[in-house]
Amino acid sequence: MSDTISIEDPDALIHHTPPKDFRDRFALRLVKFMRIFADKFFAKRYGHRAVVLETVAAVPGMVGGMLQHLKALRTIRDDEGWVRELLDEAENERMHLMTFIKVAEPSRMERYLILLGQGVFFNLYFLLYLFTPRIAHRVVGYLEEEAVISYTQYLSEVDSGRVENIPAPQIAIDYWKLPQDARLRDVIIVVRADEAGHRDRNHEMADELAA
């Protein structure tokens, strides 16, 4: 998705979709509540924050794709491309995770936190999507809004010299077809653009379900 969005201009990337009703407000408050824990635990360790963020972010696309697939089979209808789109989103988020594991090299304790966070979030999100897919997509939209903000802050830390602009992992160079001399800054830019694309599409899906 990074090819469709201006990746250098933060003003073009940072965008908030105002909640339209109590369901949207619930989704927004839930995401803001989740952000409190990330801020308290990781502070400005953005590489480690990215690892946990992407562990959670890789779940919704897979859950949504699976449930949309089953719904299409059950109702004998066309899924209108949602299944493939959601599974592609999950794959993209997984590649974010694989990239930042190389960057941050999480400790054993952080790996346990990843397992716990994924296990809890998967089950909660599965139930949320099963009963109210509109809120589920809105939650992802707001999660991605926060992700864009976090990656913008991460980029600022790199540009200021507070975080070393290390060479990009080879897995990122191969996946995004970056130059062989790409650095961490280049990776953050393309990942942030991916997240902005996921943000916009999930808000669109929530709007379509509300129509």
N, C-alpha and C. Protein backbone atom coordinates (compact mmCIF):
# COMPACT_ATOMS: atom_id res chain seq x y z
N MET A 1 0.81 -1.20 0.00
CA MET A 1 0.00 0.00 0.00
C MET A 1 0.85 1.26 0.00
N SER A 2 2.12 1.13 0.27
CA SER A 2 2.97 2.29 0.38
C SER A 2 3.11 3.05 -0.92
N ASP A 3 2.77 2.43 -2.07
CA ASP A 3 2.90 3.09 -3.36
C ASP A 3 1.78 4.09 -3.61
N THR A 4 0.69 4.01 -2.83
CA THR A 4 -0.48 4.82 -3.13
C THR A 4 -0.60 6.05 -2.24
N ILE A 5 0.32 6.24 -1.30
CA ILE A 5 0.23 7.32 -0.35
C ILE A 5 1.53 8.09 -0.34
N SER A 6 1.45 9.42 -0.21
CA SER A 6 2.65 10.24 -0.08
C SER A 6 3.38 9.84 1.20
N ILE A 7 4.57 9.27 1.05
CA ILE A 7 5.21 8.65 2.20
C ILE A 7 6.11 9.58 2.98
N GLU A 8 6.44 10.74 2.45
CA GLU A 8 7.37 11.63 3.15
C GLU A 8 6.65 12.70 3.97
N ASP A 9 5.46 13.10 3.56
CA ASP A 9 4.77 14.22 4.19
C ASP A 9 3.88 13.73 5.34
N PRO A 10 4.25 14.01 6.60
CA PRO A 10 3.44 13.53 7.71
C PRO A 10 2.03 14.11 7.72
N ASP A 11 1.86 15.33 7.17
CA ASP A 11 0.54 15.94 7.13
C ASP A 11 -0.40 15.15 6.22
N ALA A 12 0.17 14.48 5.21
CA ALA A 12 -0.66 13.68 4.31
C ALA A 12 -0.95 12.30 4.90
N LEU A 13 -0.19 11.93 5.92
CA LEU A 13 -0.33 10.60 6.51
C LEU A 13 -1.14 10.59 7.79
N ILE A 14 -0.93 11.61 8.64
CA ILE A 14 -1.63 11.64 9.93
C ILE A 14 -3.04 12.19 9.72
N HIS A 15 -4.02 11.35 9.98
CA HIS A 15 -5.41 11.72 9.75
C HIS A 15 -6.28 11.01 10.78
N HIS A 16 -7.28 11.72 11.29
CA HIS A 16 -8.20 11.13 12.25
C HIS A 16 -9.61 11.14 11.69
N THR A 17 -10.26 9.99 11.77
CA THR A 17 -11.66 9.89 11.38
C THR A 17 -12.53 10.08 12.61
N PRO A 18 -13.29 11.17 12.70
CA PRO A 18 -14.11 11.41 13.90
C PRO A 18 -15.18 10.33 14.05
N PRO A 19 -15.44 9.90 15.28
CA PRO A 19 -16.50 8.91 15.49
C PRO A 19 -17.87 9.48 15.13
N LYS A 20 -18.71 8.61 14.56
CA LYS A 20 -20.02 9.06 14.10
C LYS A 20 -21.13 8.74 15.10
N ASP A 21 -20.94 7.70 15.91
CA ASP A 21 -21.98 7.31 16.87
C ASP A 21 -21.33 6.61 18.05
N PHE A 22 -22.13 6.04 18.93
CA PHE A 22 -21.60 5.44 20.16
C PHE A 22 -20.71 4.24 19.87
N ARG A 23 -20.97 3.52 18.77
CA ARG A 23 -20.13 2.37 18.43
C ARG A 23 -18.73 2.82 18.02
N ASP A 24 -18.68 3.88 17.25
CA ASP A 24 -17.38 4.43 16.86
C ASP A 24 -16.66 4.99 18.08
N ARG A 25 -17.39 5.64 18.99
CA ARG A 25 -16.76 6.17 20.19
C ARG A 25 -16.23 5.06 21.07
N PHE A 26 -16.96 3.94 21.11
CA PHE A 26 -16.48 2.78 21.87
C PHE A 26 -15.17 2.27 21.28
N ALA A 27 -15.12 2.17 19.96
CA ALA A 27 -13.91 1.69 19.28
C ALA A 27 -12.73 2.61 19.57
N LEU A 28 -12.96 3.91 19.50
CA LEU A 28 -11.89 4.88 19.74
C LEU A 28 -11.40 4.82 21.18
N ARG A 29 -12.31 4.75 22.12
CA ARG A 29 -11.91 4.69 23.53
C ARG A 29 -11.15 3.41 23.85
N LEU A 30 -11.56 2.31 23.21
CA LEU A 30 -10.85 1.05 23.42
C LEU A 30 -9.40 1.16 22.94
N VAL A 31 -9.21 1.75 21.79
CA VAL A 31 -7.86 1.91 21.24
C VAL A 31 -7.03 2.86 22.12
N LYS A 32 -7.62 3.94 22.57
CA LYS A 32 -6.90 4.88 23.43
C LYS A 32 -6.51 4.22 24.75
N PHE A 33 -7.38 3.35 25.25
CA PHE A 33 -7.08 2.60 26.47
C PHE A 33 -5.89 1.67 26.25
N MET A 34 -5.87 0.99 25.11
CA MET A 34 -4.76 0.09 24.79
C MET A 34 -3.46 0.86 24.65
N ARG A 35 -3.52 2.09 24.14
CA ARG A 35 -2.32 2.89 23.94
C ARG A 35 -1.66 3.25 25.27
N ILE A 36 -2.46 3.40 26.31
CA ILE A 36 -1.91 3.74 27.63
C ILE A 36 -0.85 2.74 28.05
N PHE A 37 -1.14 1.45 27.85
CA PHE A 37 -0.20 0.40 28.26
C PHE A 37 1.07 0.43 27.41
N ALA A 38 0.91 0.69 26.12
CA ALA A 38 2.09 0.76 25.25
C ALA A 38 2.99 1.92 25.67
N ASP A 39 2.37 3.07 25.99
CA ASP A 39 3.16 4.23 26.39
C ASP A 39 3.87 3.99 27.72
N LYS A 40 3.19 3.35 28.65
CA LYS A 40 3.78 3.10 29.97
C LYS A 40 4.91 2.08 29.88
N PHE A 41 4.72 1.03 29.11
CA PHE A 41 5.68 -0.07 29.10
C PHE A 41 6.89 0.22 28.24
N PHE A 42 6.67 0.84 27.06
CA PHE A 42 7.76 0.99 26.10
C PHE A 42 8.34 2.40 26.04
N ALA A 43 7.57 3.41 26.51
CA ALA A 43 8.04 4.79 26.46
C ALA A 43 8.54 5.10 25.05
N LYS A 44 9.85 5.43 24.90
CA LYS A 44 10.38 5.78 23.59
C LYS A 44 11.21 4.68 22.97
N ARG A 45 11.03 3.45 23.43
CA ARG A 45 11.72 2.32 22.79
C ARG A 45 10.86 1.89 21.60
N TYR A 46 10.94 2.67 20.54
CA TYR A 46 10.02 2.50 19.42
C TYR A 46 10.22 1.20 18.66
N GLY A 47 11.43 0.69 18.61
CA GLY A 47 11.65 -0.58 17.94
C GLY A 47 10.92 -1.71 18.64
N HIS A 48 11.01 -1.74 19.98
CA HIS A 48 10.31 -2.76 20.75
C HIS A 48 8.80 -2.55 20.72
N ARG A 49 8.39 -1.28 20.75
CA ARG A 49 6.96 -0.98 20.64
C ARG A 49 6.42 -1.49 19.31
N ALA A 50 7.20 -1.33 18.24
CA ALA A 50 6.77 -1.78 16.92
C ALA A 50 6.57 -3.29 16.88
N VAL A 51 7.43 -4.03 17.59
CA VAL A 51 7.31 -5.48 17.61
C VAL A 51 5.96 -5.89 18.20
N VAL A 52 5.62 -5.33 19.35
CA VAL A 52 4.35 -5.68 20.00
C VAL A 52 3.16 -5.16 19.18
N LEU A 53 3.29 -3.94 18.65
CA LEU A 53 2.23 -3.37 17.82
C LEU A 53 1.93 -4.27 16.63
N GLU A 54 2.97 -4.72 15.95
CA GLU A 54 2.76 -5.53 14.75
C GLU A 54 2.28 -6.94 15.08
N THR A 55 2.61 -7.42 16.26
CA THR A 55 2.07 -8.72 16.68
C THR A 55 0.56 -8.65 16.76
N VAL A 56 0.05 -7.56 17.33
CA VAL A 56 -1.39 -7.36 17.44
C VAL A 56 -1.99 -7.00 16.08
N ALA A 57 -1.31 -6.15 15.33
CA ALA A 57 -1.84 -5.67 14.05
C ALA A 57 -1.99 -6.78 13.02
N ALA A 58 -1.22 -7.86 13.15
CA ALA A 58 -1.30 -8.95 12.18
C ALA A 58 -2.51 -9.85 12.41
N VAL A 59 -3.20 -9.66 13.53
CA VAL A 59 -4.34 -10.53 13.86
C VAL A 59 -5.62 -10.15 13.11
N PRO A 60 -6.05 -8.88 13.09
CA PRO A 60 -7.36 -8.55 12.51
C PRO A 60 -7.57 -9.00 11.07
N GLY A 61 -6.58 -8.83 10.22
CA GLY A 61 -6.76 -9.23 8.83
C GLY A 61 -7.03 -10.71 8.69
N MET A 62 -6.30 -11.52 9.46
CA MET A 62 -6.51 -12.96 9.39
C MET A 62 -7.87 -13.36 9.94
N VAL A 63 -8.26 -12.78 11.07
CA VAL A 63 -9.57 -13.08 11.66
C VAL A 63 -10.69 -12.61 10.73
N GLY A 64 -10.58 -11.36 10.25
CA GLY A 64 -11.62 -10.84 9.36
C GLY A 64 -11.71 -11.63 8.07
N GLY A 65 -10.56 -11.98 7.50
CA GLY A 65 -10.57 -12.77 6.27
C GLY A 65 -11.22 -14.12 6.46
N MET A 66 -10.89 -14.77 7.58
CA MET A 66 -11.48 -16.09 7.87
C MET A 66 -12.99 -15.99 8.04
N LEU A 67 -13.45 -15.03 8.82
CA LEU A 67 -14.89 -14.92 9.08
C LEU A 67 -15.65 -14.44 7.85
N GLN A 68 -15.05 -13.57 7.05
CA GLN A 68 -15.70 -13.17 5.80
C GLN A 68 -15.78 -14.35 4.83
N HIS A 69 -14.74 -15.18 4.81
CA HIS A 69 -14.74 -16.38 3.97
C HIS A 69 -15.88 -17.32 4.38
N LEU A 70 -15.99 -17.56 5.68
CA LEU A 70 -17.04 -18.46 6.16
C LEU A 70 -18.43 -17.88 5.91
N LYS A 71 -18.56 -16.56 6.06
CA LYS A 71 -19.85 -15.92 5.80
C LYS A 71 -20.23 -16.05 4.33
N ALA A 72 -19.25 -15.89 3.43
CA ALA A 72 -19.52 -16.03 2.00
C ALA A 72 -19.97 -17.45 1.66
N LEU A 73 -19.36 -18.44 2.31
CA LEU A 73 -19.76 -19.83 2.08
C LEU A 73 -21.16 -20.10 2.65
N ARG A 74 -21.39 -19.55 3.83
CA ARG A 74 -22.67 -19.80 4.52
C ARG A 74 -23.84 -19.15 3.79
N THR A 75 -23.62 -17.95 3.28
CA THR A 75 -24.70 -17.22 2.63
C THR A 75 -24.70 -17.38 1.11
N ILE A 76 -23.69 -18.10 0.61
CA ILE A 76 -23.54 -18.35 -0.83
C ILE A 76 -23.58 -17.02 -1.60
N ARG A 77 -22.64 -16.16 -1.26
CA ARG A 77 -22.57 -14.85 -1.91
C ARG A 77 -21.12 -14.52 -2.24
N ASP A 78 -20.94 -13.55 -3.11
CA ASP A 78 -19.61 -13.07 -3.45
C ASP A 78 -19.07 -12.23 -2.28
N ASP A 79 -17.81 -12.43 -1.94
CA ASP A 79 -17.22 -11.66 -0.83
C ASP A 79 -16.75 -10.28 -1.27
N GLU A 80 -16.87 -9.96 -2.57
CA GLU A 80 -16.50 -8.66 -3.12
C GLU A 80 -15.03 -8.31 -2.88
N GLY A 81 -14.20 -9.33 -2.81
CA GLY A 81 -12.77 -9.11 -2.68
C GLY A 81 -12.27 -8.89 -1.27
N TRP A 82 -13.16 -8.92 -0.28
CA TRP A 82 -12.76 -8.63 1.10
C TRP A 82 -11.82 -9.68 1.66
N VAL A 83 -12.07 -10.94 1.34
CA VAL A 83 -11.25 -12.02 1.92
C VAL A 83 -9.79 -11.84 1.51
N ARG A 84 -9.53 -11.71 0.22
CA ARG A 84 -8.16 -11.55 -0.26
C ARG A 84 -7.54 -10.28 0.29
N GLU A 85 -8.31 -9.21 0.34
CA GLU A 85 -7.77 -7.94 0.83
C GLU A 85 -7.37 -8.04 2.30
N LEU A 86 -8.20 -8.67 3.10
CA LEU A 86 -7.91 -8.79 4.53
C LEU A 86 -6.73 -9.73 4.77
N LEU A 87 -6.64 -10.80 4.01
CA LEU A 87 -5.50 -11.71 4.16
C LEU A 87 -4.21 -11.05 3.70
N ASP A 88 -4.29 -10.23 2.66
CA ASP A 88 -3.10 -9.48 2.23
C ASP A 88 -2.66 -8.50 3.32
N GLU A 89 -3.63 -7.90 3.98
CA GLU A 89 -3.31 -6.99 5.09
C GLU A 89 -2.59 -7.74 6.20
N ALA A 90 -3.09 -8.93 6.54
CA ALA A 90 -2.46 -9.73 7.58
C ALA A 90 -1.02 -10.10 7.20
N GLU A 91 -0.81 -10.45 5.94
CA GLU A 91 0.54 -10.80 5.47
C GLU A 91 1.46 -9.59 5.54
N ASN A 92 0.96 -8.43 5.15
CA ASN A 92 1.75 -7.21 5.20
C ASN A 92 2.16 -6.88 6.64
N GLU A 93 1.22 -7.02 7.58
CA GLU A 93 1.53 -6.76 8.98
C GLU A 93 2.53 -7.78 9.53
N ARG A 94 2.43 -9.01 9.07
CA ARG A 94 3.39 -10.03 9.50
C ARG A 94 4.80 -9.68 9.05
N MET A 95 4.92 -9.13 7.85
CA MET A 95 6.23 -8.72 7.37
C MET A 95 6.76 -7.53 8.16
N HIS A 96 5.88 -6.65 8.62
CA HIS A 96 6.31 -5.59 9.53
C HIS A 96 6.93 -6.21 10.78
N LEU A 97 6.24 -7.21 11.33
CA LEU A 97 6.74 -7.86 12.54
C LEU A 97 8.09 -8.51 12.30
N MET A 98 8.22 -9.27 11.23
CA MET A 98 9.48 -9.94 10.94
C MET A 98 10.62 -8.93 10.78
N THR A 99 10.30 -7.77 10.22
CA THR A 99 11.31 -6.73 10.04
C THR A 99 11.77 -6.15 11.37
N PHE A 100 10.82 -5.80 12.23
CA PHE A 100 11.20 -5.14 13.48
C PHE A 100 11.75 -6.10 14.52
N ILE A 101 11.50 -7.38 14.36
CA ILE A 101 12.19 -8.36 15.20
C ILE A 101 13.68 -8.31 14.92
N LYS A 102 14.03 -8.14 13.64
CA LYS A 102 15.44 -8.01 13.27
C LYS A 102 16.04 -6.71 13.81
N VAL A 103 15.24 -5.65 13.85
CA VAL A 103 15.73 -4.35 14.31
C VAL A 103 15.87 -4.32 15.82
N ALA A 104 14.83 -4.76 16.54
CA ALA A 104 14.78 -4.60 18.00
C ALA A 104 15.39 -5.77 18.77
N GLU A 105 15.40 -6.97 18.15
CA GLU A 105 15.89 -8.16 18.83
C GLU A 105 15.29 -8.28 20.24
N PRO A 106 13.98 -8.54 20.32
CA PRO A 106 13.29 -8.57 21.63
C PRO A 106 13.86 -9.62 22.56
N SER A 107 13.79 -9.31 23.85
CA SER A 107 14.28 -10.21 24.88
C SER A 107 13.30 -11.37 25.06
N ARG A 108 13.71 -12.34 25.87
CA ARG A 108 12.82 -13.49 26.14
C ARG A 108 11.53 -13.02 26.80
N MET A 109 11.63 -12.08 27.73
CA MET A 109 10.43 -11.58 28.40
C MET A 109 9.50 -10.89 27.40
N GLU A 110 10.07 -10.12 26.49
CA GLU A 110 9.25 -9.44 25.50
C GLU A 110 8.62 -10.44 24.54
N ARG A 111 9.31 -11.53 24.26
CA ARG A 111 8.71 -12.56 23.42
C ARG A 111 7.53 -13.23 24.12
N TYR A 112 7.62 -13.41 25.43
CA TYR A 112 6.49 -13.94 26.19
C TYR A 112 5.33 -12.96 26.17
N LEU A 113 5.64 -11.67 26.24
CA LEU A 113 4.61 -10.65 26.17
C LEU A 113 3.92 -10.68 24.82
N ILE A 114 4.69 -10.92 23.77
CA ILE A 114 4.13 -11.04 22.42
C ILE A 114 3.13 -12.20 22.36
N LEU A 115 3.52 -13.34 22.91
CA LEU A 115 2.63 -14.50 22.92
C LEU A 115 1.35 -14.22 23.69
N LEU A 116 1.50 -13.59 24.86
CA LEU A 116 0.34 -13.28 25.69
C LEU A 116 -0.57 -12.28 24.98
N GLY A 117 0.02 -11.22 24.45
CA GLY A 117 -0.77 -10.19 23.78
C GLY A 117 -1.51 -10.74 22.58
N GLN A 118 -0.83 -11.57 21.80
CA GLN A 118 -1.48 -12.14 20.62
C GLN A 118 -2.61 -13.07 21.01
N GLY A 119 -2.38 -13.90 22.04
CA GLY A 119 -3.42 -14.84 22.46
C GLY A 119 -4.67 -14.14 22.97
N VAL A 120 -4.48 -13.12 23.79
CA VAL A 120 -5.62 -12.38 24.33
C VAL A 120 -6.34 -11.62 23.22
N PHE A 121 -5.56 -10.91 22.41
CA PHE A 121 -6.18 -10.07 21.38
C PHE A 121 -6.90 -10.90 20.33
N PHE A 122 -6.31 -12.05 19.95
CA PHE A 122 -6.97 -12.88 18.93
C PHE A 122 -8.37 -13.28 19.38
N ASN A 123 -8.49 -13.76 20.59
CA ASN A 123 -9.80 -14.24 21.06
C ASN A 123 -10.80 -13.10 21.22
N LEU A 124 -10.35 -11.97 21.74
CA LEU A 124 -11.25 -10.83 21.90
C LEU A 124 -11.68 -10.28 20.54
N TYR A 125 -10.73 -10.18 19.62
CA TYR A 125 -11.06 -9.64 18.31
C TYR A 125 -11.96 -10.60 17.52
N PHE A 126 -11.73 -11.90 17.67
CA PHE A 126 -12.58 -12.89 17.02
C PHE A 126 -14.04 -12.70 17.44
N LEU A 127 -14.26 -12.57 18.74
CA LEU A 127 -15.62 -12.38 19.24
C LEU A 127 -16.20 -11.05 18.77
N LEU A 128 -15.38 -10.01 18.79
CA LEU A 128 -15.85 -8.71 18.35
C LEU A 128 -16.27 -8.76 16.88
N TYR A 129 -15.43 -9.37 16.03
CA TYR A 129 -15.75 -9.43 14.60
C TYR A 129 -16.95 -10.33 14.34
N LEU A 130 -17.07 -11.39 15.13
CA LEU A 130 -18.18 -12.33 14.95
C LEU A 130 -19.52 -11.64 15.18
N PHE A 131 -19.59 -10.78 16.19
CA PHE A 131 -20.86 -10.16 16.57
C PHE A 131 -21.06 -8.76 15.98
N THR A 132 -19.96 -8.03 15.75
CA THR A 132 -20.11 -6.68 15.21
C THR A 132 -18.90 -6.30 14.37
N PRO A 133 -18.86 -6.78 13.14
CA PRO A 133 -17.71 -6.50 12.26
C PRO A 133 -17.48 -5.02 12.01
N ARG A 134 -18.55 -4.23 12.05
CA ARG A 134 -18.37 -2.80 11.84
C ARG A 134 -17.46 -2.20 12.92
N ILE A 135 -17.73 -2.51 14.18
CA ILE A 135 -16.89 -1.99 15.27
C ILE A 135 -15.48 -2.56 15.14
N ALA A 136 -15.38 -3.82 14.74
CA ALA A 136 -14.07 -4.46 14.60
C ALA A 136 -13.20 -3.70 13.58
N HIS A 137 -13.79 -3.36 12.45
CA HIS A 137 -13.02 -2.61 11.44
C HIS A 137 -12.71 -1.19 11.93
N ARG A 138 -13.63 -0.61 12.69
CA ARG A 138 -13.36 0.74 13.21
C ARG A 138 -12.22 0.69 14.22
N VAL A 139 -12.18 -0.36 15.04
CA VAL A 139 -11.08 -0.52 15.98
C VAL A 139 -9.75 -0.57 15.24
N VAL A 140 -9.71 -1.33 14.14
CA VAL A 140 -8.47 -1.42 13.36
C VAL A 140 -8.12 -0.07 12.76
N GLY A 141 -9.13 0.64 12.26
CA GLY A 141 -8.88 1.97 11.71
C GLY A 141 -8.23 2.89 12.74
N TYR A 142 -8.74 2.85 13.96
CA TYR A 142 -8.16 3.71 15.01
C TYR A 142 -6.81 3.19 15.49
N LEU A 143 -6.65 1.87 15.50
CA LEU A 143 -5.33 1.31 15.84
C LEU A 143 -4.28 1.78 14.83
N GLU A 144 -4.66 1.79 13.56
CA GLU A 144 -3.71 2.21 12.53
C GLU A 144 -3.45 3.72 12.60
N GLU A 145 -4.43 4.49 13.03
CA GLU A 145 -4.17 5.91 13.26
C GLU A 145 -3.05 6.09 14.29
N GLU A 146 -3.14 5.31 15.37
CA GLU A 146 -2.11 5.38 16.41
C GLU A 146 -0.77 4.86 15.88
N ALA A 147 -0.83 3.86 15.02
CA ALA A 147 0.41 3.31 14.45
C ALA A 147 1.13 4.37 13.61
N VAL A 148 0.37 5.12 12.81
CA VAL A 148 0.98 6.17 11.99
C VAL A 148 1.63 7.22 12.88
N ILE A 149 0.97 7.57 13.97
CA ILE A 149 1.55 8.54 14.90
C ILE A 149 2.83 7.99 15.53
N SER A 150 2.79 6.73 15.95
CA SER A 150 3.96 6.12 16.58
C SER A 150 5.15 6.05 15.62
N TYR A 151 4.88 5.67 14.37
CA TYR A 151 5.99 5.59 13.41
C TYR A 151 6.50 6.98 13.03
N THR A 152 5.63 7.98 13.07
CA THR A 152 6.09 9.35 12.84
C THR A 152 7.02 9.79 13.97
N GLN A 153 6.68 9.44 15.20
CA GLN A 153 7.53 9.74 16.35
C GLN A 153 8.85 8.97 16.26
N TYR A 154 8.78 7.73 15.83
CA TYR A 154 9.97 6.89 15.64
C TYR A 154 10.90 7.54 14.61
N LEU A 155 10.32 7.99 13.52
CA LEU A 155 11.10 8.65 12.47
C LEU A 155 11.77 9.91 13.00
N SER A 156 11.06 10.65 13.83
CA SER A 156 11.63 11.86 14.43
C SER A 156 12.83 11.53 15.30
N GLU A 157 12.76 10.41 16.04
CA GLU A 157 13.88 9.99 16.88
C GLU A 157 15.10 9.64 16.02
N VAL A 158 14.86 9.01 14.90
CA VAL A 158 15.96 8.67 13.99
C VAL A 158 16.56 9.94 13.39
N ASP A 159 15.70 10.84 12.94
CA ASP A 159 16.19 12.07 12.30
C ASP A 159 16.95 12.96 13.28
N SER A 160 16.59 12.89 14.56
CA SER A 160 17.28 13.71 15.56
C SER A 160 18.59 13.09 16.03
N GLY A 161 18.81 11.83 15.65
CA GLY A 161 20.03 11.14 16.08
C GLY A 161 19.90 10.41 17.39
N ARG A 162 18.72 10.48 18.01
CA ARG A 162 18.53 9.78 19.29
C ARG A 162 18.39 8.27 19.10
N VAL A 163 17.99 7.86 17.91
CA VAL A 163 17.95 6.44 17.54
C VAL A 163 18.87 6.27 16.34
N GLU A 164 19.75 5.27 16.42
CA GLU A 164 20.72 5.06 15.34
C GLU A 164 20.02 4.62 14.06
N ASN A 165 20.40 5.24 12.97
CA ASN A 165 19.85 4.91 11.65
C ASN A 165 20.62 3.73 11.07
N ILE A 166 20.36 2.55 11.61
CA ILE A 166 21.11 1.35 11.25
C ILE A 166 20.73 0.88 9.85
N PRO A 167 21.53 0.00 9.26
CA PRO A 167 21.16 -0.56 7.95
C PRO A 167 19.84 -1.32 8.02
N ALA A 168 19.06 -1.23 6.97
CA ALA A 168 17.78 -1.94 6.92
C ALA A 168 18.01 -3.44 6.90
N PRO A 169 17.19 -4.22 7.60
CA PRO A 169 17.30 -5.67 7.52
C PRO A 169 17.08 -6.15 6.08
N GLN A 170 17.74 -7.22 5.70
CA GLN A 170 17.61 -7.72 4.34
C GLN A 170 16.19 -8.13 4.01
N ILE A 171 15.46 -8.63 5.01
CA ILE A 171 14.07 -9.04 4.78
C ILE A 171 13.22 -7.84 4.34
N ALA A 172 13.52 -6.65 4.88
CA ALA A 172 12.78 -5.45 4.49
C ALA A 172 13.19 -5.00 3.09
N ILE A 173 14.48 -5.07 2.81
CA ILE A 173 14.97 -4.69 1.48
C ILE A 173 14.31 -5.56 0.40
N ASP A 174 14.23 -6.84 0.66
CA ASP A 174 13.63 -7.76 -0.31
C ASP A 174 12.12 -7.53 -0.46
N TYR A 175 11.43 -7.34 0.67
CA TYR A 175 9.97 -7.24 0.63
C TYR A 175 9.50 -5.94 -0.02
N TRP A 176 10.12 -4.82 0.36
CA TRP A 176 9.70 -3.53 -0.19
C TRP A 176 10.52 -3.09 -1.40
N LYS A 177 11.45 -3.97 -1.82
CA LYS A 177 12.31 -3.67 -2.97
C LYS A 177 13.06 -2.35 -2.76
N LEU A 178 13.65 -2.23 -1.58
CA LEU A 178 14.44 -1.05 -1.25
C LEU A 178 15.85 -1.18 -1.80
N PRO A 179 16.56 -0.07 -1.94
CA PRO A 179 17.97 -0.16 -2.36
C PRO A 179 18.79 -0.96 -1.35
N GLN A 180 19.85 -1.59 -1.80
CA GLN A 180 20.68 -2.41 -0.92
C GLN A 180 21.32 -1.60 0.20
N ASP A 181 21.46 -0.29 0.01
CA ASP A 181 22.04 0.55 1.06
C ASP A 181 20.97 1.25 1.91
N ALA A 182 19.73 0.75 1.87
CA ALA A 182 18.64 1.35 2.63
C ALA A 182 18.93 1.29 4.13
N ARG A 183 18.38 2.26 4.85
CA ARG A 183 18.59 2.35 6.28
C ARG A 183 17.25 2.22 7.02
N LEU A 184 17.34 2.23 8.34
CA LEU A 184 16.14 2.12 9.18
C LEU A 184 15.12 3.19 8.82
N ARG A 185 15.59 4.40 8.53
CA ARG A 185 14.68 5.49 8.18
C ARG A 185 13.81 5.12 6.98
N ASP A 186 14.40 4.50 5.99
CA ASP A 186 13.65 4.09 4.79
C ASP A 186 12.58 3.06 5.14
N VAL A 187 12.92 2.16 6.05
CA VAL A 187 11.97 1.13 6.47
C VAL A 187 10.79 1.75 7.20
N ILE A 188 11.07 2.66 8.12
CA ILE A 188 9.99 3.29 8.88
C ILE A 188 9.04 4.02 7.94
N ILE A 189 9.57 4.67 6.93
CA ILE A 189 8.74 5.43 5.99
C ILE A 189 7.78 4.52 5.24
N VAL A 190 8.27 3.40 4.73
CA VAL A 190 7.37 2.52 3.96
C VAL A 190 6.38 1.80 4.86
N VAL A 191 6.81 1.44 6.07
CA VAL A 191 5.89 0.80 7.01
C VAL A 191 4.79 1.77 7.42
N ARG A 192 5.17 3.01 7.70
CA ARG A 192 4.17 4.02 8.08
C ARG A 192 3.15 4.21 6.96
N ALA A 193 3.59 4.21 5.73
CA ALA A 193 2.66 4.35 4.60
C ALA A 193 1.73 3.15 4.50
N ASP A 194 2.26 1.96 4.75
CA ASP A 194 1.40 0.77 4.78
C ASP A 194 0.29 0.94 5.82
N GLU A 195 0.68 1.41 7.02
CA GLU A 195 -0.29 1.55 8.10
C GLU A 195 -1.35 2.59 7.75
N ALA A 196 -0.94 3.66 7.08
CA ALA A 196 -1.92 4.67 6.66
C ALA A 196 -2.92 4.07 5.66
N GLY A 197 -2.44 3.21 4.78
CA GLY A 197 -3.33 2.54 3.85
C GLY A 197 -4.31 1.61 4.55
N HIS A 198 -3.82 0.85 5.52
CA HIS A 198 -4.70 -0.04 6.29
C HIS A 198 -5.72 0.78 7.07
N ARG A 199 -5.28 1.90 7.63
CA ARG A 199 -6.18 2.78 8.38
C ARG A 199 -7.36 3.22 7.51
N ASP A 200 -7.04 3.75 6.34
CA ASP A 200 -8.08 4.28 5.47
C ASP A 200 -9.02 3.19 4.99
N ARG A 201 -8.48 2.04 4.64
CA ARG A 201 -9.32 0.97 4.12
C ARG A 201 -10.24 0.39 5.20
N ASN A 202 -9.74 0.25 6.42
CA ASN A 202 -10.60 -0.29 7.48
C ASN A 202 -11.70 0.69 7.86
N HIS A 203 -11.40 1.98 7.84
CA HIS A 203 -12.48 2.95 8.08
C HIS A 203 -13.51 2.88 6.95
N GLU A 204 -13.04 2.68 5.71
CA GLU A 204 -13.98 2.54 4.59
C GLU A 204 -14.85 1.31 4.76
N MET A 205 -14.24 0.19 5.19
CA MET A 205 -15.02 -1.04 5.41
C MET A 205 -16.06 -0.84 6.50
N ALA A 206 -15.67 -0.15 7.58
CA ALA A 206 -16.64 0.12 8.65
C ALA A 206 -17.79 0.97 8.13
N ASP A 207 -17.49 1.96 7.29
CA ASP A 207 -18.54 2.80 6.71
C ASP A 207 -19.45 1.98 5.81
N GLU A 208 -18.88 1.07 5.02
CA GLU A 208 -19.69 0.22 4.14
C GLU A 208 -20.62 -0.67 4.95
N LEU A 209 -20.15 -1.18 6.07
CA LEU A 209 -20.98 -2.04 6.90
C LEU A 209 -22.07 -1.25 7.61
N ALA A 210 -21.82 0.05 7.81
CA ALA A 210 -22.81 0.90 8.47
C ALA A 210 -23.90 1.37 7.51
N ALA A 211 -23.62 1.31 6.21
CA ALA A 211 -24.56 1.82 5.21
C ALA A 211 -25.81 0.98 5.13
